[in-house]
Amino acid sequence: MNYVRCINNRGYEASLIAGAIYKVLPDNSDPVSLRVIDNEGEDYLYDVSRFEPVGYEEVQINATEAVTVHLDPTTKGILRAEALAAQKSVSALLREWIDERLDLPVST
């Protein structure tokens, strides 16, 4: 489990947002808790009942969000040159980089 969705933030309203997705860090010290990076950017142990797992299927089904990135002309030119060198579109290259660098849920 790499990511979880908060389903109960009662008592932790400043640290957790109900419905938000959070990254889970490995921690086997407490079997009923998850070490979650919260809204303050800190990792903290929260009761596992406050979350539900975010699975690969959900990522695939809901993959409709668009991201707009504003780049300066030099960075845009470098990105285009990298895409040409890799014989890919800029979009395909960015998706590949995201897949390589983010710890996204995996297919089961």
N, C-alpha and C. Protein backbone atom coordinates (compact mmCIF):
# COMPACT_ATOMS: atom_id res chain seq x y z
N MET A 1 0.85 -1.17 0.00
CA MET A 1 0.00 0.00 0.00
C MET A 1 0.90 1.24 0.00
N ASN A 2 0.83 2.02 -1.06
CA ASN A 2 1.65 3.22 -1.18
C ASN A 2 0.87 4.49 -0.88
N TYR A 3 -0.43 4.47 -1.20
CA TYR A 3 -1.26 5.65 -1.02
C TYR A 3 -2.58 5.25 -0.37
N VAL A 4 -3.10 6.15 0.45
CA VAL A 4 -4.38 5.92 1.11
C VAL A 4 -5.23 7.19 1.01
N ARG A 5 -6.54 7.01 1.12
CA ARG A 5 -7.47 8.13 1.16
C ARG A 5 -7.99 8.26 2.59
N CYS A 6 -7.99 9.46 3.10
CA CYS A 6 -8.50 9.70 4.45
C CYS A 6 -10.03 9.61 4.42
N ILE A 7 -10.58 8.78 5.30
CA ILE A 7 -12.04 8.65 5.40
C ILE A 7 -12.56 9.16 6.74
N ASN A 8 -11.65 9.53 7.65
CA ASN A 8 -12.05 10.03 8.96
C ASN A 8 -10.93 10.91 9.51
N ASN A 9 -11.15 12.22 9.51
CA ASN A 9 -10.13 13.13 10.02
C ASN A 9 -10.52 13.74 11.37
N ARG A 10 -11.55 13.20 12.01
CA ARG A 10 -12.03 13.74 13.29
C ARG A 10 -10.90 13.80 14.31
N GLY A 11 -10.71 15.00 14.85
CA GLY A 11 -9.64 15.22 15.82
C GLY A 11 -8.31 15.59 15.20
N TYR A 12 -8.21 15.46 13.88
CA TYR A 12 -6.97 15.78 13.17
C TYR A 12 -7.26 16.69 11.97
N GLU A 13 -8.24 17.56 12.11
CA GLU A 13 -8.67 18.41 10.99
C GLU A 13 -7.54 19.27 10.42
N ALA A 14 -6.58 19.66 11.22
CA ALA A 14 -5.46 20.48 10.73
C ALA A 14 -4.43 19.65 9.97
N SER A 15 -4.38 18.36 10.26
CA SER A 15 -3.35 17.50 9.67
C SER A 15 -3.85 16.65 8.52
N LEU A 16 -5.15 16.33 8.52
CA LEU A 16 -5.73 15.46 7.50
C LEU A 16 -6.99 16.08 6.93
N ILE A 17 -7.22 15.87 5.65
CA ILE A 17 -8.43 16.31 4.98
C ILE A 17 -9.20 15.07 4.55
N ALA A 18 -10.45 14.96 4.97
CA ALA A 18 -11.27 13.83 4.56
C ALA A 18 -11.38 13.83 3.04
N GLY A 19 -11.13 12.69 2.42
CA GLY A 19 -11.18 12.55 0.97
C GLY A 19 -9.84 12.76 0.28
N ALA A 20 -8.86 13.33 0.97
CA ALA A 20 -7.55 13.58 0.37
C ALA A 20 -6.72 12.29 0.37
N ILE A 21 -5.80 12.21 -0.58
CA ILE A 21 -4.91 11.06 -0.71
C ILE A 21 -3.56 11.41 -0.11
N TYR A 22 -3.01 10.45 0.64
CA TYR A 22 -1.73 10.64 1.33
C TYR A 22 -0.79 9.49 1.03
N LYS A 23 0.50 9.79 1.06
CA LYS A 23 1.54 8.79 0.87
C LYS A 23 1.81 8.08 2.19
N VAL A 24 1.97 6.75 2.12
CA VAL A 24 2.26 5.94 3.29
C VAL A 24 3.73 5.54 3.24
N LEU A 25 4.42 5.68 4.36
CA LEU A 25 5.81 5.26 4.47
C LEU A 25 5.86 3.89 5.15
N PRO A 26 6.84 3.06 4.81
CA PRO A 26 6.95 1.76 5.47
C PRO A 26 7.24 1.92 6.96
N ASP A 27 6.53 1.18 7.78
CA ASP A 27 6.76 1.20 9.23
C ASP A 27 6.05 -0.01 9.82
N ASN A 28 6.81 -0.95 10.32
CA ASN A 28 6.24 -2.17 10.90
C ASN A 28 6.19 -2.12 12.42
N SER A 29 6.38 -0.95 13.00
CA SER A 29 6.44 -0.86 14.46
C SER A 29 5.07 -1.01 15.13
N ASP A 30 4.00 -0.72 14.41
CA ASP A 30 2.66 -0.78 14.99
C ASP A 30 1.69 -1.32 13.94
N PRO A 31 1.18 -2.53 14.11
CA PRO A 31 0.33 -3.15 13.08
C PRO A 31 -1.04 -2.49 12.89
N VAL A 32 -1.49 -1.66 13.81
CA VAL A 32 -2.79 -1.01 13.66
C VAL A 32 -2.67 0.46 13.26
N SER A 33 -1.47 0.87 12.88
CA SER A 33 -1.23 2.25 12.47
C SER A 33 -0.53 2.30 11.13
N LEU A 34 -0.69 3.44 10.47
CA LEU A 34 0.02 3.72 9.22
C LEU A 34 0.85 4.97 9.43
N ARG A 35 2.07 4.97 8.89
CA ARG A 35 2.91 6.17 8.93
C ARG A 35 2.60 6.95 7.67
N VAL A 36 1.91 8.07 7.83
CA VAL A 36 1.38 8.86 6.72
C VAL A 36 2.05 10.24 6.72
N ILE A 37 2.38 10.73 5.54
CA ILE A 37 2.86 12.11 5.41
C ILE A 37 1.62 12.99 5.34
N ASP A 38 1.41 13.80 6.37
CA ASP A 38 0.18 14.57 6.49
C ASP A 38 0.29 15.94 5.82
N ASN A 39 -0.73 16.80 6.03
CA ASN A 39 -0.78 18.13 5.40
C ASN A 39 0.36 19.04 5.82
N GLU A 40 0.97 18.76 6.94
CA GLU A 40 2.08 19.58 7.41
C GLU A 40 3.42 19.09 6.86
N GLY A 41 3.38 18.02 6.05
CA GLY A 41 4.60 17.48 5.47
C GLY A 41 5.37 16.59 6.41
N GLU A 42 4.78 16.28 7.55
CA GLU A 42 5.43 15.44 8.56
C GLU A 42 4.87 14.03 8.48
N ASP A 43 5.71 13.03 8.78
CA ASP A 43 5.18 11.67 8.85
C ASP A 43 4.77 11.40 10.29
N TYR A 44 3.61 10.81 10.42
CA TYR A 44 3.02 10.59 11.74
C TYR A 44 2.23 9.29 11.70
N LEU A 45 2.18 8.59 12.82
CA LEU A 45 1.40 7.35 12.90
C LEU A 45 -0.07 7.69 13.15
N TYR A 46 -0.93 7.22 12.25
CA TYR A 46 -2.37 7.38 12.39
C TYR A 46 -3.01 6.00 12.40
N ASP A 47 -4.13 5.87 13.08
CA ASP A 47 -4.86 4.62 13.11
C ASP A 47 -5.29 4.23 11.70
N VAL A 48 -5.09 2.98 11.36
CA VAL A 48 -5.38 2.49 10.01
C VAL A 48 -6.86 2.67 9.65
N SER A 49 -7.75 2.70 10.64
CA SER A 49 -9.18 2.84 10.37
C SER A 49 -9.55 4.21 9.81
N ARG A 50 -8.64 5.16 9.84
CA ARG A 50 -8.90 6.48 9.28
C ARG A 50 -8.73 6.54 7.76
N PHE A 51 -8.26 5.44 7.17
CA PHE A 51 -7.90 5.45 5.76
C PHE A 51 -8.45 4.24 5.02
N GLU A 52 -8.51 4.39 3.69
CA GLU A 52 -8.78 3.26 2.82
C GLU A 52 -7.69 3.26 1.75
N PRO A 53 -7.29 2.07 1.27
CA PRO A 53 -6.24 2.03 0.26
C PRO A 53 -6.69 2.62 -1.07
N VAL A 54 -5.75 3.20 -1.80
CA VAL A 54 -6.00 3.68 -3.16
C VAL A 54 -5.32 2.70 -4.09
N GLY A 55 -6.09 2.00 -4.89
CA GLY A 55 -5.55 0.95 -5.74
C GLY A 55 -5.32 1.38 -7.17
N TYR A 56 -4.61 0.54 -7.90
CA TYR A 56 -4.27 0.79 -9.30
C TYR A 56 -5.52 0.95 -10.15
N GLU A 57 -6.54 0.13 -9.90
CA GLU A 57 -7.75 0.18 -10.71
C GLU A 57 -8.38 1.57 -10.63
N GLU A 58 -8.40 2.14 -9.44
CA GLU A 58 -8.98 3.47 -9.27
C GLU A 58 -8.18 4.52 -10.03
N VAL A 59 -6.87 4.38 -10.02
CA VAL A 59 -6.02 5.31 -10.76
C VAL A 59 -6.33 5.23 -12.25
N GLN A 60 -6.47 4.03 -12.77
CA GLN A 60 -6.76 3.85 -14.19
C GLN A 60 -8.14 4.36 -14.56
N ILE A 61 -9.14 4.07 -13.75
CA ILE A 61 -10.52 4.48 -14.04
C ILE A 61 -10.65 5.99 -14.00
N ASN A 62 -10.00 6.62 -13.05
CA ASN A 62 -10.16 8.06 -12.84
C ASN A 62 -9.07 8.89 -13.49
N ALA A 63 -8.33 8.33 -14.41
CA ALA A 63 -7.21 9.05 -15.03
C ALA A 63 -7.72 10.02 -16.09
N THR A 64 -8.48 11.02 -15.63
CA THR A 64 -9.03 12.00 -16.56
C THR A 64 -8.57 13.42 -16.25
N GLU A 65 -7.83 13.60 -15.18
CA GLU A 65 -7.34 14.92 -14.82
C GLU A 65 -6.25 15.36 -15.79
N ALA A 66 -6.23 16.64 -16.06
CA ALA A 66 -5.19 17.21 -16.90
C ALA A 66 -4.28 18.07 -16.04
N VAL A 67 -3.04 18.14 -16.42
CA VAL A 67 -2.08 18.98 -15.72
C VAL A 67 -1.50 19.96 -16.73
N THR A 68 -1.48 21.21 -16.35
CA THR A 68 -0.88 22.24 -17.18
C THR A 68 0.40 22.69 -16.52
N VAL A 69 1.48 22.70 -17.29
CA VAL A 69 2.77 23.12 -16.76
C VAL A 69 3.23 24.32 -17.58
N HIS A 70 3.57 25.38 -16.90
CA HIS A 70 4.08 26.58 -17.57
C HIS A 70 5.60 26.56 -17.45
N LEU A 71 6.26 26.56 -18.59
CA LEU A 71 7.72 26.48 -18.62
C LEU A 71 8.30 27.71 -19.29
N ASP A 72 9.48 28.07 -18.83
CA ASP A 72 10.19 29.14 -19.53
C ASP A 72 10.66 28.59 -20.88
N PRO A 73 10.96 29.43 -21.86
CA PRO A 73 11.32 28.96 -23.20
C PRO A 73 12.53 28.02 -23.22
N THR A 74 13.51 28.25 -22.38
CA THR A 74 14.70 27.39 -22.39
C THR A 74 14.35 25.98 -21.90
N THR A 75 13.62 25.88 -20.79
CA THR A 75 13.23 24.57 -20.27
C THR A 75 12.34 23.85 -21.28
N LYS A 76 11.42 24.57 -21.88
CA LYS A 76 10.54 23.98 -22.90
C LYS A 76 11.36 23.45 -24.06
N GLY A 77 12.37 24.21 -24.49
CA GLY A 77 13.23 23.77 -25.58
C GLY A 77 14.03 22.53 -25.21
N ILE A 78 14.53 22.47 -23.99
CA ILE A 78 15.29 21.30 -23.52
C ILE A 78 14.38 20.09 -23.47
N LEU A 79 13.16 20.26 -22.96
CA LEU A 79 12.21 19.16 -22.88
C LEU A 79 11.87 18.64 -24.28
N ARG A 80 11.68 19.55 -25.22
CA ARG A 80 11.40 19.16 -26.61
C ARG A 80 12.59 18.40 -27.19
N ALA A 81 13.81 18.88 -26.92
CA ALA A 81 15.01 18.21 -27.42
C ALA A 81 15.13 16.81 -26.83
N GLU A 82 14.83 16.65 -25.54
CA GLU A 82 14.86 15.34 -24.90
C GLU A 82 13.83 14.40 -25.54
N ALA A 83 12.65 14.92 -25.82
CA ALA A 83 11.61 14.10 -26.44
C ALA A 83 12.02 13.67 -27.85
N LEU A 84 12.61 14.59 -28.60
CA LEU A 84 13.08 14.24 -29.95
C LEU A 84 14.17 13.18 -29.89
N ALA A 85 15.09 13.33 -28.96
CA ALA A 85 16.18 12.37 -28.82
C ALA A 85 15.64 10.99 -28.44
N ALA A 86 14.58 10.96 -27.66
CA ALA A 86 13.99 9.69 -27.23
C ALA A 86 12.97 9.17 -28.26
N GLN A 87 12.75 9.94 -29.31
CA GLN A 87 11.78 9.62 -30.35
C GLN A 87 10.38 9.40 -29.75
N LYS A 88 9.99 10.34 -28.91
CA LYS A 88 8.68 10.31 -28.26
C LYS A 88 8.09 11.70 -28.30
N SER A 89 6.79 11.75 -28.06
CA SER A 89 6.17 13.06 -27.90
C SER A 89 6.54 13.60 -26.52
N VAL A 90 6.43 14.90 -26.35
CA VAL A 90 6.72 15.50 -25.06
C VAL A 90 5.78 14.90 -24.00
N SER A 91 4.52 14.73 -24.34
CA SER A 91 3.55 14.16 -23.40
C SER A 91 3.94 12.74 -22.99
N ALA A 92 4.33 11.92 -23.97
CA ALA A 92 4.73 10.54 -23.66
C ALA A 92 5.97 10.52 -22.77
N LEU A 93 6.91 11.41 -23.05
CA LEU A 93 8.13 11.47 -22.25
C LEU A 93 7.80 11.88 -20.80
N LEU A 94 6.93 12.86 -20.64
CA LEU A 94 6.54 13.29 -19.30
C LEU A 94 5.82 12.18 -18.55
N ARG A 95 4.90 11.46 -19.22
CA ARG A 95 4.21 10.34 -18.58
C ARG A 95 5.21 9.28 -18.15
N GLU A 96 6.19 9.00 -18.98
CA GLU A 96 7.22 8.01 -18.64
C GLU A 96 8.01 8.46 -17.41
N TRP A 97 8.39 9.72 -17.38
CA TRP A 97 9.14 10.23 -16.24
C TRP A 97 8.31 10.16 -14.97
N ILE A 98 7.04 10.48 -15.07
CA ILE A 98 6.16 10.40 -13.90
C ILE A 98 6.08 8.96 -13.42
N ASP A 99 5.88 8.01 -14.32
CA ASP A 99 5.81 6.60 -13.95
C ASP A 99 7.09 6.12 -13.29
N GLU A 100 8.24 6.58 -13.79
CA GLU A 100 9.53 6.16 -13.25
C GLU A 100 9.81 6.76 -11.87
N ARG A 101 9.35 7.97 -11.64
CA ARG A 101 9.76 8.70 -10.44
C ARG A 101 8.75 8.69 -9.30
N LEU A 102 7.48 8.42 -9.61
CA LEU A 102 6.48 8.37 -8.56
C LEU A 102 6.23 6.92 -8.17
N ASP A 103 5.91 6.73 -6.92
CA ASP A 103 5.64 5.41 -6.39
C ASP A 103 4.16 5.11 -6.53
N LEU A 104 3.67 5.04 -7.79
CA LEU A 104 2.25 4.86 -8.05
C LEU A 104 1.82 3.43 -7.72
N PRO A 105 0.53 3.24 -7.38
CA PRO A 105 0.04 1.88 -7.13
C PRO A 105 0.29 1.00 -8.33
N VAL A 106 0.56 -0.28 -8.09
CA VAL A 106 0.85 -1.21 -9.17
C VAL A 106 -0.34 -2.11 -9.44
N SER A 107 -0.41 -2.60 -10.64
CA SER A 107 -1.48 -3.50 -11.07
C SER A 107 -1.37 -4.83 -10.32
N THR A 108 -2.52 -5.37 -9.91
CA THR A 108 -2.52 -6.66 -9.21
C THR A 108 -3.17 -7.72 -10.05
